[in-house]
N, C-alpha and C. Protein backbone atom coordinates (compact mmCIF):
# COMPACT_ATOMS: atom_id res chain seq x y z
N MET A 1 -10.47 -3.20 -16.81
CA MET A 1 -11.60 -3.60 -16.00
C MET A 1 -11.20 -3.63 -14.52
N VAL A 2 -10.18 -4.41 -14.14
CA VAL A 2 -9.69 -4.47 -12.77
C VAL A 2 -8.23 -4.00 -12.77
N PRO A 3 -7.93 -2.99 -11.98
CA PRO A 3 -6.53 -2.53 -11.93
C PRO A 3 -5.59 -3.65 -11.48
N GLU A 4 -4.43 -3.68 -12.08
CA GLU A 4 -3.44 -4.71 -11.77
C GLU A 4 -3.05 -4.68 -10.30
N LEU A 5 -3.05 -3.49 -9.72
CA LEU A 5 -2.70 -3.34 -8.31
C LEU A 5 -3.65 -4.15 -7.42
N LEU A 6 -4.95 -4.12 -7.73
CA LEU A 6 -5.92 -4.87 -6.94
C LEU A 6 -5.70 -6.37 -7.11
N GLY A 7 -5.46 -6.81 -8.33
CA GLY A 7 -5.19 -8.23 -8.57
C GLY A 7 -3.98 -8.71 -7.80
N ASP A 8 -2.93 -7.90 -7.77
CA ASP A 8 -1.71 -8.27 -7.05
C ASP A 8 -1.94 -8.28 -5.54
N LEU A 9 -2.76 -7.36 -5.04
CA LEU A 9 -3.08 -7.31 -3.62
C LEU A 9 -3.80 -8.58 -3.19
N VAL A 10 -4.80 -8.98 -3.96
CA VAL A 10 -5.57 -10.19 -3.66
C VAL A 10 -4.67 -11.41 -3.75
N LYS A 11 -3.88 -11.49 -4.81
CA LYS A 11 -2.99 -12.64 -5.00
C LYS A 11 -1.98 -12.78 -3.88
N SER A 12 -1.43 -11.67 -3.42
CA SER A 12 -0.42 -11.76 -2.35
C SER A 12 -1.04 -12.28 -1.06
N GLY A 13 -2.26 -11.85 -0.76
CA GLY A 13 -2.93 -12.34 0.44
C GLY A 13 -3.22 -13.83 0.37
N LEU A 14 -3.67 -14.28 -0.79
CA LEU A 14 -4.00 -15.69 -0.95
C LEU A 14 -2.74 -16.56 -1.00
N ASN A 15 -1.67 -16.06 -1.60
CA ASN A 15 -0.40 -16.80 -1.62
C ASN A 15 0.13 -17.02 -0.20
N ALA A 16 -0.15 -16.07 0.69
CA ALA A 16 0.34 -16.18 2.07
C ALA A 16 -0.25 -17.38 2.79
N MET A 17 -1.34 -17.92 2.29
CA MET A 17 -1.99 -19.06 2.94
C MET A 17 -1.32 -20.39 2.61
N GLU A 18 -0.44 -20.41 1.68
CA GLU A 18 0.22 -21.65 1.26
C GLU A 18 0.86 -22.36 2.46
N GLY A 19 0.41 -23.59 2.72
CA GLY A 19 1.00 -24.42 3.75
C GLY A 19 0.59 -24.12 5.19
N VAL A 20 -0.31 -23.16 5.39
CA VAL A 20 -0.75 -22.84 6.75
C VAL A 20 -1.45 -24.07 7.34
N GLN A 21 -1.18 -24.36 8.61
CA GLN A 21 -1.81 -25.51 9.26
C GLN A 21 -2.78 -25.04 10.33
N PHE A 22 -3.99 -25.57 10.26
CA PHE A 22 -5.02 -25.29 11.26
C PHE A 22 -5.11 -26.51 12.16
N SER A 23 -4.85 -26.30 13.46
CA SER A 23 -4.78 -27.45 14.35
C SER A 23 -5.43 -27.20 15.71
N ASP A 24 -6.31 -26.21 15.82
CA ASP A 24 -7.02 -25.95 17.07
C ASP A 24 -8.03 -27.07 17.30
N PRO A 25 -7.86 -27.87 18.35
CA PRO A 25 -8.71 -29.05 18.51
C PRO A 25 -10.15 -28.75 18.92
N GLY A 26 -10.38 -27.75 19.72
CA GLY A 26 -11.74 -27.51 20.19
C GLY A 26 -12.26 -28.72 20.97
N ARG A 27 -13.54 -28.97 20.90
CA ARG A 27 -14.18 -30.11 21.56
C ARG A 27 -14.98 -30.84 20.50
N CYS A 28 -15.44 -32.02 20.85
CA CYS A 28 -16.23 -32.82 19.92
C CYS A 28 -17.54 -32.09 19.60
N PRO A 29 -17.86 -31.91 18.29
CA PRO A 29 -19.10 -31.22 17.94
C PRO A 29 -20.36 -32.03 18.26
N ARG A 30 -20.23 -33.33 18.43
CA ARG A 30 -21.39 -34.16 18.72
C ARG A 30 -21.71 -34.20 20.22
N CYS A 31 -20.69 -34.53 21.04
CA CYS A 31 -20.97 -34.73 22.47
C CYS A 31 -20.23 -33.77 23.38
N GLY A 32 -19.32 -32.95 22.81
CA GLY A 32 -18.56 -32.00 23.63
C GLY A 32 -17.39 -32.62 24.37
N GLY A 33 -17.07 -33.87 24.05
CA GLY A 33 -16.00 -34.58 24.74
C GLY A 33 -14.60 -34.15 24.32
N GLN A 34 -13.61 -34.69 25.02
CA GLN A 34 -12.21 -34.45 24.71
C GLN A 34 -11.85 -35.14 23.39
N VAL A 35 -10.95 -34.53 22.64
CA VAL A 35 -10.53 -35.11 21.37
C VAL A 35 -9.03 -35.36 21.38
N ARG A 36 -8.59 -36.26 20.51
CA ARG A 36 -7.15 -36.53 20.35
C ARG A 36 -6.85 -36.49 18.85
N GLY A 37 -5.59 -36.25 18.52
CA GLY A 37 -5.18 -36.16 17.12
C GLY A 37 -5.50 -37.41 16.34
N TYR A 38 -5.90 -37.22 15.11
CA TYR A 38 -6.27 -38.36 14.24
C TYR A 38 -5.37 -38.38 13.01
N ASP A 39 -5.43 -37.32 12.20
CA ASP A 39 -4.55 -37.18 11.03
C ASP A 39 -4.59 -35.73 10.54
N ILE A 40 -3.89 -35.47 9.45
CA ILE A 40 -3.88 -34.13 8.86
C ILE A 40 -4.25 -34.29 7.38
N ARG A 41 -5.19 -33.46 6.93
CA ARG A 41 -5.63 -33.48 5.54
C ARG A 41 -5.28 -32.15 4.87
N GLU A 42 -4.95 -32.23 3.61
CA GLU A 42 -4.73 -31.01 2.83
C GLU A 42 -6.05 -30.63 2.16
N ARG A 43 -6.33 -29.32 2.16
CA ARG A 43 -7.51 -28.80 1.47
C ARG A 43 -7.06 -27.67 0.56
N ILE A 44 -7.75 -27.53 -0.55
CA ILE A 44 -7.45 -26.44 -1.48
C ILE A 44 -8.14 -25.19 -0.95
N PHE A 45 -7.35 -24.16 -0.68
CA PHE A 45 -7.89 -22.89 -0.20
C PHE A 45 -8.38 -22.05 -1.37
N VAL A 46 -7.63 -22.07 -2.46
CA VAL A 46 -8.00 -21.33 -3.67
C VAL A 46 -7.16 -21.85 -4.83
N SER A 47 -7.68 -21.71 -6.02
CA SER A 47 -6.91 -21.99 -7.24
C SER A 47 -6.57 -20.65 -7.87
N LEU A 48 -5.28 -20.37 -7.95
CA LEU A 48 -4.83 -19.12 -8.56
C LEU A 48 -4.40 -19.36 -10.00
N VAL A 49 -4.59 -18.34 -10.83
CA VAL A 49 -4.19 -18.43 -12.23
C VAL A 49 -3.30 -17.24 -12.56
N GLU A 50 -2.17 -17.54 -13.17
CA GLU A 50 -1.29 -16.48 -13.64
C GLU A 50 -0.62 -16.96 -14.92
N ASN A 51 -0.70 -16.14 -15.94
CA ASN A 51 -0.15 -16.50 -17.25
C ASN A 51 -0.69 -17.85 -17.74
N LYS A 52 -1.98 -18.06 -17.57
CA LYS A 52 -2.69 -19.27 -18.00
C LYS A 52 -2.23 -20.54 -17.29
N THR A 53 -1.53 -20.38 -16.17
CA THR A 53 -1.09 -21.52 -15.37
C THR A 53 -1.88 -21.52 -14.07
N ARG A 54 -2.47 -22.66 -13.75
CA ARG A 54 -3.28 -22.79 -12.54
C ARG A 54 -2.43 -23.42 -11.44
N ARG A 55 -2.55 -22.85 -10.23
CA ARG A 55 -1.81 -23.36 -9.08
C ARG A 55 -2.73 -23.36 -7.88
N ASP A 56 -2.84 -24.50 -7.22
CA ASP A 56 -3.67 -24.61 -6.03
C ASP A 56 -2.89 -24.20 -4.79
N ILE A 57 -3.49 -23.32 -3.99
CA ILE A 57 -2.94 -22.95 -2.70
C ILE A 57 -3.58 -23.89 -1.69
N ARG A 58 -2.76 -24.68 -1.02
CA ARG A 58 -3.27 -25.70 -0.11
C ARG A 58 -2.94 -25.35 1.34
N VAL A 59 -3.88 -25.70 2.20
CA VAL A 59 -3.67 -25.56 3.65
C VAL A 59 -3.82 -26.94 4.27
N LYS A 60 -3.32 -27.08 5.48
CA LYS A 60 -3.42 -28.35 6.20
C LYS A 60 -4.42 -28.19 7.34
N VAL A 61 -5.33 -29.15 7.43
CA VAL A 61 -6.34 -29.12 8.48
C VAL A 61 -6.23 -30.41 9.28
N LYS A 62 -5.92 -30.26 10.56
CA LYS A 62 -5.79 -31.43 11.43
C LYS A 62 -7.17 -31.96 11.78
N ARG A 63 -7.28 -33.28 11.84
CA ARG A 63 -8.54 -33.92 12.25
C ARG A 63 -8.34 -34.57 13.61
N PHE A 64 -9.44 -34.64 14.34
CA PHE A 64 -9.41 -35.17 15.69
C PHE A 64 -10.49 -36.22 15.86
N GLU A 65 -10.22 -37.17 16.77
CA GLU A 65 -11.20 -38.20 17.10
C GLU A 65 -11.63 -38.01 18.56
N CYS A 66 -12.93 -38.06 18.79
CA CYS A 66 -13.46 -37.91 20.14
C CYS A 66 -13.14 -39.16 20.95
N ARG A 67 -12.67 -38.97 22.16
CA ARG A 67 -12.34 -40.11 23.04
C ARG A 67 -13.59 -40.79 23.58
N GLU A 68 -14.72 -40.08 23.55
CA GLU A 68 -15.94 -40.63 24.12
C GLU A 68 -16.87 -41.25 23.08
N CYS A 69 -17.16 -40.54 21.99
CA CYS A 69 -18.12 -41.07 21.01
C CYS A 69 -17.48 -41.56 19.73
N GLY A 70 -16.19 -41.27 19.52
CA GLY A 70 -15.48 -41.76 18.35
C GLY A 70 -15.65 -40.93 17.09
N LYS A 71 -16.42 -39.83 17.12
CA LYS A 71 -16.63 -38.99 15.94
C LYS A 71 -15.32 -38.32 15.54
N VAL A 72 -15.05 -38.30 14.24
CA VAL A 72 -13.87 -37.62 13.71
C VAL A 72 -14.33 -36.24 13.22
N SER A 73 -13.63 -35.20 13.66
CA SER A 73 -13.97 -33.83 13.26
C SER A 73 -12.70 -33.07 12.91
N GLU A 74 -12.89 -31.97 12.18
CA GLU A 74 -11.76 -31.14 11.76
C GLU A 74 -11.51 -30.01 12.74
N ALA A 75 -10.27 -29.53 12.77
CA ALA A 75 -9.94 -28.33 13.51
C ALA A 75 -10.67 -27.15 12.85
N LYS A 76 -10.82 -26.09 13.60
CA LYS A 76 -11.46 -24.90 13.04
C LYS A 76 -10.57 -24.33 11.94
N ALA A 77 -11.15 -24.21 10.76
CA ALA A 77 -10.44 -23.68 9.60
C ALA A 77 -11.38 -22.77 8.83
N PRO A 78 -10.86 -21.81 8.07
CA PRO A 78 -11.73 -20.83 7.40
C PRO A 78 -12.40 -21.39 6.14
N PHE A 79 -13.29 -22.34 6.33
CA PHE A 79 -14.07 -22.93 5.23
C PHE A 79 -15.53 -22.95 5.65
N TYR A 80 -16.42 -22.56 4.75
CA TYR A 80 -17.85 -22.73 5.00
C TYR A 80 -18.19 -24.20 4.75
N PRO A 81 -19.18 -24.74 5.46
CA PRO A 81 -19.54 -26.15 5.28
C PRO A 81 -20.02 -26.47 3.85
N PHE A 82 -20.55 -25.48 3.15
CA PHE A 82 -21.11 -25.71 1.82
C PHE A 82 -20.11 -25.44 0.69
N ALA A 83 -18.90 -25.02 1.01
CA ALA A 83 -17.97 -24.55 -0.03
C ALA A 83 -16.68 -25.35 -0.08
N HIS A 84 -16.16 -25.47 -1.28
CA HIS A 84 -14.90 -26.17 -1.52
C HIS A 84 -13.71 -25.27 -1.19
N TYR A 85 -13.82 -23.98 -1.50
CA TYR A 85 -12.71 -23.05 -1.31
C TYR A 85 -12.81 -22.31 0.02
N GLY A 86 -11.73 -21.60 0.38
CA GLY A 86 -11.67 -20.87 1.64
C GLY A 86 -12.69 -19.75 1.73
N ALA A 87 -13.05 -19.40 2.95
CA ALA A 87 -14.08 -18.40 3.21
C ALA A 87 -13.82 -17.04 2.54
N PRO A 88 -12.58 -16.50 2.53
CA PRO A 88 -12.39 -15.21 1.87
C PRO A 88 -12.70 -15.25 0.37
N VAL A 89 -12.40 -16.36 -0.28
CA VAL A 89 -12.69 -16.51 -1.71
C VAL A 89 -14.20 -16.56 -1.93
N VAL A 90 -14.89 -17.31 -1.08
CA VAL A 90 -16.35 -17.41 -1.17
C VAL A 90 -16.98 -16.05 -0.89
N ASP A 91 -16.46 -15.34 0.12
CA ASP A 91 -16.97 -14.00 0.42
C ASP A 91 -16.81 -13.06 -0.77
N PHE A 92 -15.67 -13.12 -1.44
CA PHE A 92 -15.41 -12.27 -2.61
C PHE A 92 -16.41 -12.60 -3.71
N ALA A 93 -16.62 -13.87 -3.98
CA ALA A 93 -17.56 -14.28 -5.02
C ALA A 93 -18.98 -13.82 -4.69
N ILE A 94 -19.38 -13.98 -3.43
CA ILE A 94 -20.73 -13.58 -3.03
C ILE A 94 -20.89 -12.06 -3.14
N GLY A 95 -19.89 -11.32 -2.68
CA GLY A 95 -19.95 -9.86 -2.76
C GLY A 95 -20.08 -9.37 -4.20
N LEU A 96 -19.32 -9.97 -5.10
CA LEU A 96 -19.40 -9.58 -6.51
C LEU A 96 -20.74 -9.98 -7.12
N SER A 97 -21.25 -11.14 -6.74
CA SER A 97 -22.51 -11.61 -7.33
C SER A 97 -23.69 -10.73 -6.93
N ARG A 98 -23.54 -9.96 -5.88
CA ARG A 98 -24.62 -9.07 -5.44
C ARG A 98 -24.70 -7.81 -6.29
N ILE A 99 -23.62 -7.48 -7.03
CA ILE A 99 -23.63 -6.23 -7.78
C ILE A 99 -23.44 -6.41 -9.29
N MET A 100 -23.22 -7.65 -9.73
CA MET A 100 -23.00 -7.88 -11.16
C MET A 100 -23.42 -9.30 -11.53
N PRO A 101 -23.62 -9.54 -12.83
CA PRO A 101 -23.96 -10.91 -13.27
C PRO A 101 -22.83 -11.89 -12.94
N TYR A 102 -23.19 -13.16 -12.82
CA TYR A 102 -22.22 -14.19 -12.43
C TYR A 102 -21.04 -14.29 -13.40
N ARG A 103 -21.30 -14.20 -14.68
CA ARG A 103 -20.20 -14.31 -15.66
C ARG A 103 -19.23 -13.15 -15.53
N ARG A 104 -19.76 -11.95 -15.27
CA ARG A 104 -18.87 -10.80 -15.08
C ARG A 104 -18.09 -10.95 -13.78
N ALA A 105 -18.74 -11.45 -12.74
CA ALA A 105 -18.05 -11.68 -11.47
C ALA A 105 -16.89 -12.66 -11.67
N ALA A 106 -17.10 -13.69 -12.48
CA ALA A 106 -16.03 -14.66 -12.77
C ALA A 106 -14.86 -13.97 -13.47
N LYS A 107 -15.15 -13.02 -14.35
CA LYS A 107 -14.08 -12.29 -15.04
C LYS A 107 -13.31 -11.39 -14.07
N VAL A 108 -14.02 -10.77 -13.14
CA VAL A 108 -13.35 -9.93 -12.14
C VAL A 108 -12.45 -10.79 -11.26
N LEU A 109 -12.96 -11.93 -10.83
CA LEU A 109 -12.15 -12.84 -10.02
C LEU A 109 -10.92 -13.32 -10.80
N ARG A 110 -11.11 -13.60 -12.08
CA ARG A 110 -9.99 -14.05 -12.93
C ARG A 110 -8.94 -12.95 -13.04
N ALA A 111 -9.40 -11.69 -13.13
CA ALA A 111 -8.46 -10.57 -13.18
C ALA A 111 -7.70 -10.42 -11.86
N CYS A 112 -8.29 -10.95 -10.79
CA CYS A 112 -7.62 -10.97 -9.47
C CYS A 112 -6.90 -12.29 -9.25
N HIS A 113 -6.71 -13.05 -10.32
CA HIS A 113 -5.95 -14.31 -10.32
C HIS A 113 -6.68 -15.48 -9.67
N ILE A 114 -7.98 -15.36 -9.42
CA ILE A 114 -8.75 -16.44 -8.80
C ILE A 114 -9.51 -17.21 -9.87
N ASP A 115 -9.31 -18.52 -9.90
CA ASP A 115 -9.98 -19.38 -10.88
C ASP A 115 -11.27 -19.92 -10.27
N LEU A 116 -12.40 -19.29 -10.61
CA LEU A 116 -13.70 -19.70 -10.11
C LEU A 116 -14.72 -19.47 -11.23
N ASN A 117 -15.43 -20.52 -11.62
CA ASN A 117 -16.36 -20.36 -12.74
C ASN A 117 -17.68 -19.75 -12.28
N TRP A 118 -18.44 -19.27 -13.24
CA TRP A 118 -19.68 -18.55 -12.92
C TRP A 118 -20.72 -19.45 -12.26
N GLY A 119 -20.73 -20.73 -12.58
CA GLY A 119 -21.69 -21.65 -11.97
C GLY A 119 -21.44 -21.82 -10.48
N THR A 120 -20.17 -21.86 -10.09
CA THR A 120 -19.82 -21.96 -8.67
C THR A 120 -20.17 -20.67 -7.96
N ILE A 121 -19.95 -19.54 -8.61
CA ILE A 121 -20.32 -18.25 -8.03
C ILE A 121 -21.83 -18.20 -7.79
N ARG A 122 -22.59 -18.68 -8.76
CA ARG A 122 -24.04 -18.72 -8.61
C ARG A 122 -24.44 -19.59 -7.42
N LEU A 123 -23.80 -20.74 -7.28
CA LEU A 123 -24.08 -21.64 -6.16
C LEU A 123 -23.78 -20.95 -4.83
N TYR A 124 -22.61 -20.30 -4.73
CA TYR A 124 -22.24 -19.61 -3.50
C TYR A 124 -23.20 -18.47 -3.19
N SER A 125 -23.67 -17.77 -4.22
CA SER A 125 -24.56 -16.62 -4.01
C SER A 125 -25.91 -17.04 -3.43
N ARG A 126 -26.26 -18.30 -3.56
CA ARG A 126 -27.53 -18.81 -3.04
C ARG A 126 -27.42 -19.29 -1.59
N SER A 127 -26.27 -19.08 -0.97
CA SER A 127 -26.09 -19.49 0.42
C SER A 127 -26.87 -18.55 1.34
N LYS A 128 -26.87 -18.86 2.62
CA LYS A 128 -27.60 -18.06 3.60
C LYS A 128 -26.79 -16.88 4.13
N ILE A 129 -25.65 -16.62 3.54
CA ILE A 129 -24.82 -15.50 3.98
C ILE A 129 -25.51 -14.21 3.54
N THR A 130 -25.84 -13.36 4.50
CA THR A 130 -26.59 -12.15 4.19
C THR A 130 -25.71 -10.95 3.89
N SER A 131 -24.53 -10.89 4.48
CA SER A 131 -23.64 -9.77 4.21
C SER A 131 -22.19 -10.22 4.28
N VAL A 132 -21.37 -9.53 3.54
CA VAL A 132 -19.94 -9.81 3.52
C VAL A 132 -19.23 -8.51 3.88
N PRO A 133 -18.52 -8.46 5.01
CA PRO A 133 -17.80 -7.23 5.35
C PRO A 133 -16.75 -6.94 4.29
N SER A 134 -16.86 -5.78 3.65
CA SER A 134 -15.95 -5.47 2.55
C SER A 134 -15.68 -3.98 2.48
N LEU A 135 -14.63 -3.64 1.77
CA LEU A 135 -14.28 -2.26 1.46
C LEU A 135 -14.27 -2.12 -0.05
N GLU A 136 -14.75 -1.01 -0.53
CA GLU A 136 -14.76 -0.79 -1.97
C GLU A 136 -13.40 -0.24 -2.40
N ILE A 137 -12.74 -0.98 -3.28
CA ILE A 137 -11.45 -0.57 -3.81
C ILE A 137 -11.59 -0.55 -5.33
N PHE A 138 -11.35 0.60 -5.92
CA PHE A 138 -11.51 0.78 -7.37
C PHE A 138 -12.92 0.36 -7.81
N GLY A 139 -13.91 0.60 -6.97
CA GLY A 139 -15.29 0.27 -7.30
C GLY A 139 -15.66 -1.19 -7.14
N ILE A 140 -14.76 -1.98 -6.56
CA ILE A 140 -14.99 -3.42 -6.38
C ILE A 140 -15.03 -3.72 -4.89
N PRO A 141 -16.10 -4.42 -4.42
CA PRO A 141 -16.16 -4.75 -3.00
C PRO A 141 -15.20 -5.89 -2.65
N VAL A 142 -14.12 -5.56 -1.96
CA VAL A 142 -13.11 -6.55 -1.59
C VAL A 142 -13.34 -6.93 -0.12
N PRO A 143 -13.52 -8.22 0.16
CA PRO A 143 -13.75 -8.63 1.55
C PRO A 143 -12.60 -8.21 2.47
N VAL A 144 -12.96 -7.79 3.65
CA VAL A 144 -11.97 -7.39 4.65
C VAL A 144 -11.03 -8.56 4.94
N SER A 145 -11.56 -9.78 4.89
CA SER A 145 -10.72 -10.96 5.15
C SER A 145 -9.56 -11.06 4.16
N LEU A 146 -9.81 -10.73 2.90
CA LEU A 146 -8.72 -10.76 1.91
C LEU A 146 -7.69 -9.68 2.20
N LEU A 147 -8.15 -8.52 2.62
CA LEU A 147 -7.22 -7.45 2.97
C LEU A 147 -6.39 -7.84 4.20
N ASN A 148 -7.04 -8.49 5.17
CA ASN A 148 -6.31 -8.97 6.36
C ASN A 148 -5.23 -9.97 5.96
N LEU A 149 -5.56 -10.86 5.02
CA LEU A 149 -4.58 -11.85 4.56
C LEU A 149 -3.41 -11.16 3.86
N SER A 150 -3.68 -10.09 3.13
CA SER A 150 -2.60 -9.36 2.47
C SER A 150 -1.65 -8.75 3.48
N ILE A 151 -2.21 -8.25 4.58
CA ILE A 151 -1.37 -7.70 5.65
C ILE A 151 -0.53 -8.81 6.27
N LEU A 152 -1.16 -9.95 6.54
CA LEU A 152 -0.41 -11.08 7.08
C LEU A 152 0.67 -11.54 6.10
N GLY A 153 0.35 -11.50 4.82
CA GLY A 153 1.32 -11.88 3.79
C GLY A 153 2.53 -10.97 3.79
N THR A 154 2.31 -9.68 4.03
CA THR A 154 3.41 -8.73 4.11
C THR A 154 4.29 -9.06 5.32
N GLN A 155 3.66 -9.38 6.44
CA GLN A 155 4.41 -9.76 7.63
C GLN A 155 5.14 -11.09 7.43
N LEU A 156 4.57 -11.96 6.61
CA LEU A 156 5.18 -13.26 6.32
C LEU A 156 6.58 -13.07 5.75
N GLY A 157 6.73 -12.11 4.86
CA GLY A 157 8.03 -11.86 4.26
C GLY A 157 9.06 -11.42 5.26
N GLN A 158 8.62 -10.84 6.38
CA GLN A 158 9.55 -10.33 7.38
C GLN A 158 9.80 -11.31 8.53
N PHE A 159 8.79 -12.08 8.93
CA PHE A 159 8.90 -12.83 10.18
C PHE A 159 8.76 -14.34 10.05
N GLY A 160 8.54 -14.91 8.89
CA GLY A 160 8.40 -16.35 8.78
C GLY A 160 7.03 -16.76 8.28
N THR A 161 6.48 -17.83 8.86
CA THR A 161 5.22 -18.36 8.37
C THR A 161 4.03 -17.88 9.21
N ILE A 162 2.87 -17.91 8.60
CA ILE A 162 1.64 -17.53 9.29
C ILE A 162 1.19 -18.70 10.17
N VAL A 163 0.78 -18.39 11.36
CA VAL A 163 0.24 -19.39 12.27
C VAL A 163 -1.25 -19.57 11.94
N GLY A 164 -1.74 -20.81 12.03
CA GLY A 164 -3.12 -21.10 11.69
C GLY A 164 -4.12 -20.24 12.44
N ALA A 165 -3.88 -19.99 13.73
CA ALA A 165 -4.81 -19.18 14.52
C ALA A 165 -4.87 -17.75 14.00
N GLU A 166 -3.72 -17.20 13.56
CA GLU A 166 -3.70 -15.85 13.00
C GLU A 166 -4.49 -15.81 11.69
N ALA A 167 -4.29 -16.81 10.85
CA ALA A 167 -5.00 -16.88 9.57
C ALA A 167 -6.50 -17.04 9.79
N PHE A 168 -6.87 -17.88 10.76
CA PHE A 168 -8.29 -18.08 11.06
C PHE A 168 -8.92 -16.77 11.53
N ALA A 169 -8.24 -16.05 12.41
CA ALA A 169 -8.75 -14.77 12.91
C ALA A 169 -8.88 -13.76 11.77
N ALA A 170 -7.94 -13.76 10.85
CA ALA A 170 -8.00 -12.83 9.73
C ALA A 170 -9.15 -13.14 8.78
N CYS A 171 -9.50 -14.40 8.65
CA CYS A 171 -10.51 -14.82 7.69
C CYS A 171 -11.93 -14.83 8.23
N CYS A 172 -12.12 -15.02 9.50
CA CYS A 172 -13.41 -15.48 9.99
C CYS A 172 -14.32 -14.60 10.79
N PRO A 173 -13.89 -13.64 11.54
CA PRO A 173 -14.83 -13.07 12.50
C PRO A 173 -16.11 -12.58 11.84
N PRO A 174 -17.22 -13.32 11.99
CA PRO A 174 -18.46 -12.91 11.33
C PRO A 174 -19.24 -11.91 12.18
N PRO A 175 -19.84 -10.91 11.52
CA PRO A 175 -20.75 -10.04 12.26
C PRO A 175 -22.00 -10.82 12.67
N ALA A 176 -22.82 -10.23 13.49
CA ALA A 176 -23.99 -10.92 14.04
C ALA A 176 -24.96 -11.40 12.97
N ASP A 177 -25.07 -10.70 11.84
CA ASP A 177 -26.04 -11.08 10.82
C ASP A 177 -25.47 -12.00 9.75
N ARG A 178 -24.29 -12.55 9.97
CA ARG A 178 -23.64 -13.38 8.98
C ARG A 178 -23.60 -14.83 9.46
N THR A 179 -23.75 -15.76 8.56
CA THR A 179 -23.70 -17.18 8.91
C THR A 179 -22.31 -17.51 9.46
N PRO A 180 -22.22 -18.02 10.67
CA PRO A 180 -20.90 -18.36 11.23
C PRO A 180 -20.33 -19.61 10.56
N LEU A 181 -19.00 -19.67 10.53
CA LEU A 181 -18.35 -20.86 9.98
C LEU A 181 -18.61 -22.06 10.85
N TYR A 182 -18.66 -21.84 12.16
CA TYR A 182 -18.87 -22.93 13.11
C TYR A 182 -20.03 -22.56 14.03
N PRO A 183 -21.26 -22.92 13.65
CA PRO A 183 -22.39 -22.58 14.50
C PRO A 183 -22.21 -23.20 15.90
N GLY A 184 -22.53 -22.40 16.91
CA GLY A 184 -22.45 -22.88 18.29
C GLY A 184 -21.07 -22.83 18.88
N ALA A 185 -20.08 -22.41 18.10
CA ALA A 185 -18.71 -22.40 18.64
C ALA A 185 -18.39 -21.06 19.24
């Protein structure tokens, strides 16, 4: 159904996200004021499955407190406000749901080592995202963001760890007709 090469490509890109820290402070989303560090939270970017073993790939997202209004906000990270998992995983699920039934999409994701059930895929497919930039590989629309992560993962083996800003750039640049991760940013 899904060539092993594609599954390994997707898995390598997602594995590269392990431990990446997003710490770009930006400004307060409520009042635009200056922010200061508050704490760091771990978020699950994706749950990978291999040989019936599930492993969560976690990233760190720094939180900031506004000096003026006191609102606590997160650094820019590749997560949609409506989704638990990272944007490339959500993009993959949405892209698959547009061309096949949800249960089959879940099987394709599982063949790519991503643990996502069909109900979650259905939920993601009902979002306001109108298009997902993707390339067709072996007849499967693979989000460009996942391919970018695979490239970063290859560089990871040579040069060290991925910087949060690099990972964010690889995951996020939305075209004009796509729901932005951070409206107004």
